PDB file of all heavy atoms in Angstrom:
ATOM      1  N   VAL A   1      -6.650  -8.031 -27.263  1.00  0.00           N
ATOM      2  CA  VAL A   1      -6.920  -6.696 -26.750  1.00  0.00           C
ATOM      3  C   VAL A   1      -5.719  -6.350 -25.803  1.00  0.00           C
ATOM      4  O   VAL A   1      -5.284  -7.166 -25.101  1.00  0.00           O
ATOM      5  CB  VAL A   1      -8.213  -6.642 -25.976  1.00  0.00           C
ATOM      6  CG1 VAL A   1      -8.378  -5.330 -25.246  1.00  0.00           C
ATOM      7  CG2 VAL A   1      -9.388  -6.900 -26.912  1.00  0.00           C
ATOM      8  N   GLY A   2      -5.330  -5.047 -25.970  1.00  0.00           N
ATOM      9  CA  GLY A   2      -4.360  -4.508 -25.006  1.00  0.00           C
ATOM     10  C   GLY A   2      -5.131  -3.535 -24.117  1.00  0.00           C
ATOM     11  O   GLY A   2      -5.732  -2.543 -24.609  1.00  0.00           O
ATOM     12  N   LEU A   3      -5.198  -3.810 -22.839  1.00  0.00           N
ATOM     13  CA  LEU A   3      -5.929  -3.005 -21.878  1.00  0.00           C
ATOM     14  C   LEU A   3      -5.025  -2.181 -21.080  1.00  0.00           C
ATOM     15  O   LEU A   3      -4.119  -2.711 -20.368  1.00  0.00           O
ATOM     16  CB  LEU A   3      -6.835  -3.809 -21.036  1.00  0.00           C
ATOM     17  CG  LEU A   3      -7.751  -3.095 -20.008  1.00  0.00           C
ATOM     18  CD1 LEU A   3      -8.874  -2.349 -20.798  1.00  0.00           C
ATOM     19  CD2 LEU A   3      -8.374  -4.113 -19.056  1.00  0.00           C
ATOM     20  N   SER A   4      -5.138  -0.849 -21.099  1.00  0.00           N
ATOM     21  CA  SER A   4      -4.205   0.037 -20.383  1.00  0.00           C
ATOM     22  C   SER A   4      -4.636   0.130 -18.886  1.00  0.00           C
ATOM     23  O   SER A   4      -5.782   0.552 -18.615  1.00  0.00           O
ATOM     24  CB  SER A   4      -4.206   1.448 -20.994  1.00  0.00           C
ATOM     25  OG  SER A   4      -3.714   1.433 -22.269  1.00  0.00           O
ATOM     26  N   ILE A   5      -3.715  -0.237 -17.993  1.00  0.00           N
ATOM     27  CA  ILE A   5      -3.983  -0.129 -16.561  1.00  0.00           C
ATOM     28  C   ILE A   5      -2.671  -0.061 -15.853  1.00  0.00           C
ATOM     29  O   ILE A   5      -1.701  -0.798 -16.133  1.00  0.00           O
ATOM     30  CB  ILE A   5      -4.817  -1.362 -16.109  1.00  0.00           C
ATOM     31  CG1 ILE A   5      -5.173  -1.148 -14.605  1.00  0.00           C
ATOM     32  CG2 ILE A   5      -4.171  -2.629 -16.375  1.00  0.00           C
ATOM     33  CD1 ILE A   5      -6.234  -2.119 -14.106  1.00  0.00           C
ATOM     34  N   ASP A   6      -2.555   0.834 -14.868  1.00  0.00           N
ATOM     35  CA  ASP A   6      -1.287   1.142 -14.283  1.00  0.00           C
ATOM     36  C   ASP A   6      -1.124   0.663 -12.816  1.00  0.00           C
ATOM     37  O   ASP A   6      -0.348   1.207 -12.078  1.00  0.00           O
ATOM     38  CB  ASP A   6      -1.031   2.659 -14.279  1.00  0.00           C
ATOM     39  CG  ASP A   6      -0.780   3.187 -15.678  1.00  0.00           C
ATOM     40  OD1 ASP A   6      -0.627   2.423 -16.606  1.00  0.00           O
ATOM     41  OD2 ASP A   6      -0.717   4.458 -15.874  1.00  0.00           O
ATOM     42  N   GLY A   7      -1.876  -0.390 -12.542  1.00  0.00           N
ATOM     43  CA  GLY A   7      -1.784  -0.932 -11.149  1.00  0.00           C
ATOM     44  C   GLY A   7      -3.090  -0.682 -10.334  1.00  0.00           C
ATOM     45  O   GLY A   7      -4.092  -0.440 -10.933  1.00  0.00           O
ATOM     46  N   PRO A   8      -3.035  -0.772  -9.076  1.00  0.00           N
ATOM     47  CA  PRO A   8      -4.179  -0.525  -8.224  1.00  0.00           C
ATOM     48  C   PRO A   8      -4.691   0.895  -8.315  1.00  0.00           C
ATOM     49  O   PRO A   8      -3.954   1.743  -8.846  1.00  0.00           O
ATOM     50  CB  PRO A   8      -3.694  -0.829  -6.802  1.00  0.00           C
ATOM     51  CG  PRO A   8      -2.254  -0.741  -6.865  1.00  0.00           C
ATOM     52  CD  PRO A   8      -1.831  -1.118  -8.262  1.00  0.00           C
ATOM     53  N   ALA A   9      -5.883   1.147  -7.794  1.00  0.00           N
ATOM     54  CA  ALA A   9      -6.549   2.424  -8.080  1.00  0.00           C
ATOM     55  C   ALA A   9      -5.728   3.632  -7.659  1.00  0.00           C
ATOM     56  O   ALA A   9      -5.728   4.684  -8.348  1.00  0.00           O
ATOM     57  CB  ALA A   9      -7.918   2.463  -7.378  1.00  0.00           C
ATOM     58  N   ASP A  10      -5.100   3.576  -6.452  1.00  0.00           N
ATOM     59  CA  ASP A  10      -4.383   4.741  -5.969  1.00  0.00           C
ATOM     60  C   ASP A  10      -3.208   5.117  -6.836  1.00  0.00           C
ATOM     61  O   ASP A  10      -2.812   6.242  -6.802  1.00  0.00           O
ATOM     62  CB  ASP A  10      -3.879   4.429  -4.545  1.00  0.00           C
ATOM     63  CG  ASP A  10      -2.950   3.287  -4.395  1.00  0.00           C
ATOM     64  OD1 ASP A  10      -3.143   2.264  -5.087  1.00  0.00           O
ATOM     65  OD2 ASP A  10      -1.970   3.408  -3.629  1.00  0.00           O
ATOM     66  N   LEU A  11      -2.699   4.221  -7.594  1.00  0.00           N
ATOM     67  CA  LEU A  11      -1.573   4.505  -8.506  1.00  0.00           C
ATOM     68  C   LEU A  11      -2.124   4.792  -9.912  1.00  0.00           C
ATOM     69  O   LEU A  11      -1.636   5.727 -10.613  1.00  0.00           O
ATOM     70  CB  LEU A  11      -0.577   3.326  -8.556  1.00  0.00           C
ATOM     71  CG  LEU A  11       0.096   3.022  -7.252  1.00  0.00           C
ATOM     72  CD1 LEU A  11       0.980   1.781  -7.355  1.00  0.00           C
ATOM     73  CD2 LEU A  11       0.985   4.185  -6.773  1.00  0.00           C
ATOM     74  N   HIS A  12      -3.071   3.999 -10.372  1.00  0.00           N
ATOM     75  CA  HIS A  12      -3.585   4.237 -11.737  1.00  0.00           C
ATOM     76  C   HIS A  12      -4.206   5.558 -11.919  1.00  0.00           C
ATOM     77  O   HIS A  12      -3.994   6.228 -12.884  1.00  0.00           O
ATOM     78  CB  HIS A  12      -4.657   3.095 -11.945  1.00  0.00           C
ATOM     79  CG  HIS A  12      -5.451   3.269 -13.207  1.00  0.00           C
ATOM     80  ND1 HIS A  12      -5.106   2.605 -14.362  1.00  0.00           N
ATOM     81  CD2 HIS A  12      -6.574   3.998 -13.503  1.00  0.00           C
ATOM     82  CE1 HIS A  12      -6.025   2.956 -15.314  1.00  0.00           C
ATOM     83  NE2 HIS A  12      -6.884   3.801 -14.827  1.00  0.00           N
ATOM     84  N   ASP A  13      -4.961   5.959 -10.924  1.00  0.00           N
ATOM     85  CA  ASP A  13      -5.791   7.167 -11.015  1.00  0.00           C
ATOM     86  C   ASP A  13      -4.995   8.532 -10.868  1.00  0.00           C
ATOM     87  O   ASP A  13      -5.520   9.550 -11.060  1.00  0.00           O
ATOM     88  CB  ASP A  13      -6.977   7.245 -10.044  1.00  0.00           C
ATOM     89  CG  ASP A  13      -8.048   6.228 -10.391  1.00  0.00           C
ATOM     90  OD1 ASP A  13      -8.162   5.901 -11.573  1.00  0.00           O
ATOM     91  OD2 ASP A  13      -8.744   5.706  -9.476  1.00  0.00           O
ATOM     92  N   ILE A  14      -3.676   8.345 -10.544  1.00  0.00           N
ATOM     93  CA  ILE A  14      -2.862   9.538 -10.469  1.00  0.00           C
ATOM     94  C   ILE A  14      -2.789  10.199 -11.826  1.00  0.00           C
ATOM     95  O   ILE A  14      -2.800  11.477 -11.966  1.00  0.00           O
ATOM     96  CB  ILE A  14      -1.481   9.195  -9.938  1.00  0.00           C
ATOM     97  CG1 ILE A  14      -1.503   8.704  -8.456  1.00  0.00           C
ATOM     98  CG2 ILE A  14      -0.504  10.430 -10.071  1.00  0.00           C
ATOM     99  CD1 ILE A  14      -0.192   8.181  -7.990  1.00  0.00           C
ATOM    100  N   HIS A  15      -2.615   9.391 -12.806  1.00  0.00           N
ATOM    101  CA  HIS A  15      -2.399   9.947 -14.107  1.00  0.00           C
ATOM    102  C   HIS A  15      -3.436   9.633 -15.205  1.00  0.00           C
ATOM    103  O   HIS A  15      -3.550  10.291 -16.225  1.00  0.00           O
ATOM    104  CB  HIS A  15      -1.005   9.446 -14.739  1.00  0.00           C
ATOM    105  CG  HIS A  15       0.141   9.918 -13.906  1.00  0.00           C
ATOM    106  ND1 HIS A  15       0.647  11.177 -14.008  1.00  0.00           N
ATOM    107  CD2 HIS A  15       0.926   9.229 -12.986  1.00  0.00           C
ATOM    108  CE1 HIS A  15       1.667  11.255 -13.184  1.00  0.00           C
ATOM    109  NE2 HIS A  15       1.830  10.095 -12.546  1.00  0.00           N
ATOM    110  N   ARG A  16      -4.291   8.615 -14.957  1.00  0.00           N
ATOM    111  CA  ARG A  16      -5.245   8.189 -15.955  1.00  0.00           C
ATOM    112  C   ARG A  16      -6.673   8.584 -15.457  1.00  0.00           C
ATOM    113  O   ARG A  16      -7.292   7.946 -14.723  1.00  0.00           O
ATOM    114  CB  ARG A  16      -5.206   6.686 -16.183  1.00  0.00           C
ATOM    115  CG  ARG A  16      -3.845   6.158 -16.648  1.00  0.00           C
ATOM    116  CD  ARG A  16      -3.880   4.732 -17.147  1.00  0.00           C
ATOM    117  NE  ARG A  16      -4.761   4.521 -18.246  1.00  0.00           N
ATOM    118  CZ  ARG A  16      -4.439   4.818 -19.524  1.00  0.00           C
ATOM    119  NH1 ARG A  16      -3.228   5.279 -19.844  1.00  0.00           N
ATOM    120  NH2 ARG A  16      -5.325   4.640 -20.543  1.00  0.00           N
ATOM    121  N   TYR A  17      -7.064   9.780 -16.019  1.00  0.00           N
ATOM    122  CA  TYR A  17      -8.380  10.293 -15.604  1.00  0.00           C
ATOM    123  C   TYR A  17      -9.147  10.837 -16.957  1.00  0.00           C
ATOM    124  O   TYR A  17      -8.507  10.940 -17.972  1.00  0.00           O
ATOM    125  CB  TYR A  17      -8.248  11.473 -14.629  1.00  0.00           C
ATOM    126  CG  TYR A  17      -7.074  12.362 -14.829  1.00  0.00           C
ATOM    127  CD1 TYR A  17      -7.006  13.251 -15.831  1.00  0.00           C
ATOM    128  CD2 TYR A  17      -5.930  12.181 -14.002  1.00  0.00           C
ATOM    129  CE1 TYR A  17      -5.932  14.141 -16.019  1.00  0.00           C
ATOM    130  CE2 TYR A  17      -4.815  12.965 -14.212  1.00  0.00           C
ATOM    131  CZ  TYR A  17      -4.788  13.886 -15.203  1.00  0.00           C
ATOM    132  OH  TYR A  17      -3.679  14.754 -15.353  1.00  0.00           O
ATOM    133  N   ASN A  18     -10.433  11.068 -16.753  1.00  0.00           N
ATOM    134  CA  ASN A  18     -11.191  11.445 -17.923  1.00  0.00           C
ATOM    135  C   ASN A  18     -11.035  12.972 -18.198  1.00  0.00           C
ATOM    136  O   ASN A  18     -10.379  13.681 -17.450  1.00  0.00           O
ATOM    137  CB  ASN A  18     -12.595  10.995 -17.834  1.00  0.00           C
ATOM    138  CG  ASN A  18     -13.358  11.615 -16.718  1.00  0.00           C
ATOM    139  OD1 ASN A  18     -13.004  12.678 -16.139  1.00  0.00           O
ATOM    140  ND2 ASN A  18     -14.475  11.054 -16.225  1.00  0.00           N
ATOM    141  N   LYS A  19     -11.828  13.459 -19.140  1.00  0.00           N
ATOM    142  CA  LYS A  19     -11.769  14.880 -19.476  1.00  0.00           C
ATOM    143  C   LYS A  19     -12.205  15.776 -18.350  1.00  0.00           C
ATOM    144  O   LYS A  19     -11.887  16.914 -18.276  1.00  0.00           O
ATOM    145  CB  LYS A  19     -12.607  15.138 -20.740  1.00  0.00           C
ATOM    146  CG  LYS A  19     -12.164  14.400 -21.989  1.00  0.00           C
ATOM    147  CD  LYS A  19     -10.811  14.837 -22.517  1.00  0.00           C
ATOM    148  CE  LYS A  19     -10.467  14.105 -23.822  1.00  0.00           C
ATOM    149  NZ  LYS A  19      -9.107  14.453 -24.252  1.00  0.00           N
ATOM    150  N   GLY A  20     -12.978  15.218 -17.439  1.00  0.00           N
ATOM    151  CA  GLY A  20     -13.450  16.027 -16.258  1.00  0.00           C
ATOM    152  C   GLY A  20     -12.537  15.876 -15.078  1.00  0.00           C
ATOM    153  O   GLY A  20     -12.869  16.314 -13.978  1.00  0.00           O
ATOM    154  N   GLY A  21     -11.427  15.123 -15.218  1.00  0.00           N
ATOM    155  CA  GLY A  21     -10.522  14.879 -14.130  1.00  0.00           C
ATOM    156  C   GLY A  21     -10.951  13.742 -13.202  1.00  0.00           C
ATOM    157  O   GLY A  21     -10.399  13.647 -12.105  1.00  0.00           O
ATOM    158  N   LYS A  22     -11.971  12.980 -13.638  1.00  0.00           N
ATOM    159  CA  LYS A  22     -12.438  11.952 -12.727  1.00  0.00           C
ATOM    160  C   LYS A  22     -11.702  10.640 -12.886  1.00  0.00           C
ATOM    161  O   LYS A  22     -11.143  10.359 -14.004  1.00  0.00           O
ATOM    162  CB  LYS A  22     -13.930  11.615 -13.094  1.00  0.00           C
ATOM    163  CG  LYS A  22     -14.886  12.836 -12.837  1.00  0.00           C
ATOM    164  CD  LYS A  22     -14.961  13.283 -11.491  1.00  0.00           C
ATOM    165  CE  LYS A  22     -16.018  14.387 -11.274  1.00  0.00           C
ATOM    166  NZ  LYS A  22     -16.069  14.876  -9.851  1.00  0.00           N
ATOM    167  N   PRO A  23     -11.534   9.859 -11.840  1.00  0.00           N
ATOM    168  CA  PRO A  23     -10.771   8.583 -11.928  1.00  0.00           C
ATOM    169  C   PRO A  23     -11.362   7.542 -12.875  1.00  0.00           C
ATOM    170  O   PRO A  23     -12.600   7.655 -13.076  1.00  0.00           O
ATOM    171  CB  PRO A  23     -10.805   8.107 -10.480  1.00  0.00           C
ATOM    172  CG  PRO A  23     -11.935   8.704  -9.823  1.00  0.00           C
ATOM    173  CD  PRO A  23     -12.079  10.055 -10.460  1.00  0.00           C
ATOM    174  N   THR A  24     -10.588   6.668 -13.347  1.00  0.00           N
ATOM    175  CA  THR A  24     -11.096   5.716 -14.380  1.00  0.00           C
ATOM    176  C   THR A  24     -10.814   4.260 -13.970  1.00  0.00           C
ATOM    177  O   THR A  24     -11.265   3.364 -14.673  1.00  0.00           O
ATOM    178  CB  THR A  24     -10.343   5.942 -15.708  1.00  0.00           C
ATOM    179  OG1 THR A  24      -8.922   5.726 -15.564  1.00  0.00           O
ATOM    180  CG2 THR A  24     -10.644   7.335 -16.267  1.00  0.00           C
ATOM    181  N   HIS A  25     -10.249   4.047 -12.811  1.00  0.00           N
ATOM    182  CA  HIS A  25      -9.742   2.652 -12.481  1.00  0.00           C
ATOM    183  C   HIS A  25     -10.963   1.653 -12.441  1.00  0.00           C
ATOM    184  O   HIS A  25     -10.912   0.605 -12.938  1.00  0.00           O
ATOM    185  CB  HIS A  25      -9.043   2.630 -11.154  1.00  0.00           C
ATOM    186  CG  HIS A  25      -8.347   1.379 -10.873  1.00  0.00           C
ATOM    187  ND1 HIS A  25      -8.942   0.350 -10.103  1.00  0.00           N
ATOM    188  CD2 HIS A  25      -7.124   0.928 -11.220  1.00  0.00           C
ATOM    189  CE1 HIS A  25      -8.161  -0.668  -9.991  1.00  0.00           C
ATOM    190  NE2 HIS A  25      -7.009  -0.333 -10.635  1.00  0.00           N
ATOM    191  N   ALA A  26     -12.068   2.044 -11.841  1.00  0.00           N
ATOM    192  CA  ALA A  26     -13.196   1.176 -11.722  1.00  0.00           C
ATOM    193  C   ALA A  26     -13.757   0.764 -13.062  1.00  0.00           C
ATOM    194  O   ALA A  26     -14.136  -0.400 -13.182  1.00  0.00           O
ATOM    195  CB  ALA A  26     -14.278   1.844 -10.862  1.00  0.00           C
ATOM    196  N   LYS A  27     -13.802   1.675 -13.980  1.00  0.00           N
ATOM    197  CA  LYS A  27     -14.297   1.286 -15.288  1.00  0.00           C
ATOM    198  C   LYS A  27     -13.373   0.411 -16.052  1.00  0.00           C
ATOM    199  O   LYS A  27     -13.824  -0.465 -16.789  1.00  0.00           O
ATOM    200  CB  LYS A  27     -14.512   2.602 -16.132  1.00  0.00           C
ATOM    201  CG  LYS A  27     -15.708   3.434 -15.596  1.00  0.00           C
ATOM    202  CD  LYS A  27     -16.004   4.601 -16.482  1.00  0.00           C
ATOM    203  CE  LYS A  27     -17.214   5.393 -15.988  1.00  0.00           C
ATOM    204  NZ  LYS A  27     -17.509   6.588 -16.839  1.00  0.00           N
ATOM    205  N   VAL A  28     -12.075   0.556 -15.873  1.00  0.00           N
ATOM    206  CA  VAL A  28     -11.080  -0.311 -16.514  1.00  0.00           C
ATOM    207  C   VAL A  28     -11.181  -1.660 -15.879  1.00  0.00           C
ATOM    208  O   VAL A  28     -11.145  -2.732 -16.667  1.00  0.00           O
ATOM    209  CB  VAL A  28      -9.625   0.243 -16.344  1.00  0.00           C
ATOM    210  CG1 VAL A  28      -8.633  -0.682 -17.044  1.00  0.00           C
ATOM    211  CG2 VAL A  28      -9.528   1.650 -16.994  1.00  0.00           C
ATOM    212  N   MET A  29     -11.349  -1.842 -14.577  1.00  0.00           N
ATOM    213  CA  MET A  29     -11.550  -3.079 -13.987  1.00  0.00           C
ATOM    214  C   MET A  29     -12.769  -3.795 -14.452  1.00  0.00           C
ATOM    215  O   MET A  29     -12.835  -5.046 -14.651  1.00  0.00           O
ATOM    216  CB  MET A  29     -11.488  -3.019 -12.450  1.00  0.00           C
ATOM    217  CG  MET A  29     -10.106  -2.666 -11.915  1.00  0.00           C
ATOM    218  SD  MET A  29      -8.841  -3.946 -12.318  1.00  0.00           S
ATOM    219  CE  MET A  29      -9.423  -5.356 -11.418  1.00  0.00           C
ATOM    220  N   HIS A  30     -13.790  -2.997 -14.710  1.00  0.00           N
ATOM    221  CA  HIS A  30     -15.101  -3.573 -15.293  1.00  0.00           C
ATOM    222  C   HIS A  30     -14.813  -4.097 -16.624  1.00  0.00           C
ATOM    223  O   HIS A  30     -15.319  -5.201 -16.968  1.00  0.00           O
ATOM    224  CB  HIS A  30     -16.127  -2.495 -15.260  1.00  0.00           C
ATOM    225  CG  HIS A  30     -17.457  -2.960 -15.846  1.00  0.00           C
ATOM    226  ND1 HIS A  30     -18.283  -3.953 -15.311  1.00  0.00           N
ATOM    227  CD2 HIS A  30     -18.145  -2.555 -17.033  1.00  0.00           C
ATOM    228  CE1 HIS A  30     -19.325  -4.198 -15.998  1.00  0.00           C
ATOM    229  NE2 HIS A  30     -19.269  -3.344 -17.059  1.00  0.00           N
ATOM    230  N   ALA A  31     -14.051  -3.409 -17.397  1.00  0.00           N
ATOM    231  CA  ALA A  31     -13.687  -3.877 -18.769  1.00  0.00           C
ATOM    232  C   ALA A  31     -12.920  -5.213 -18.723  1.00  0.00           C
ATOM    233  O   ALA A  31     -13.193  -6.117 -19.475  1.00  0.00           O
ATOM    234  CB  ALA A  31     -12.886  -2.825 -19.518  1.00  0.00           C
ATOM    235  N   ALA A  32     -12.000  -5.344 -17.763  1.00  0.00           N
ATOM    236  CA  ALA A  32     -11.234  -6.506 -17.603  1.00  0.00           C
ATOM    237  C   ALA A  32     -12.177  -7.707 -17.211  1.00  0.00           C
ATOM    238  O   ALA A  32     -12.039  -8.842 -17.771  1.00  0.00           O
ATOM    239  CB  ALA A  32     -10.193  -6.381 -16.533  1.00  0.00           C
ATOM    240  N   GLN A  33     -13.124  -7.425 -16.355  1.00  0.00           N
ATOM    241  CA  GLN A  33     -14.110  -8.460 -15.957  1.00  0.00           C
ATOM    242  C   GLN A  33     -14.905  -8.958 -17.165  1.00  0.00           C
ATOM    243  O   GLN A  33     -15.157 -10.081 -17.373  1.00  0.00           O
ATOM    244  CB  GLN A  33     -15.036  -7.879 -14.880  1.00  0.00           C
ATOM    245  CG  GLN A  33     -16.016  -8.908 -14.385  1.00  0.00           C
ATOM    246  CD  GLN A  33     -16.991  -8.240 -13.288  1.00  0.00           C
ATOM    247  OE1 GLN A  33     -17.086  -7.035 -13.260  1.00  0.00           O
ATOM    248  NE2 GLN A  33     -17.609  -9.116 -12.557  1.00  0.00           N
TER     249      GLN A  33
END
């Protein structure tokens, strides 16, 4: 699996958000777990 993640939340969530503009970092970290 290749999991897309751009670093800690404050950096990742700048550009990686859902269709509603909400942050995604917590969900990606849950996937990693």
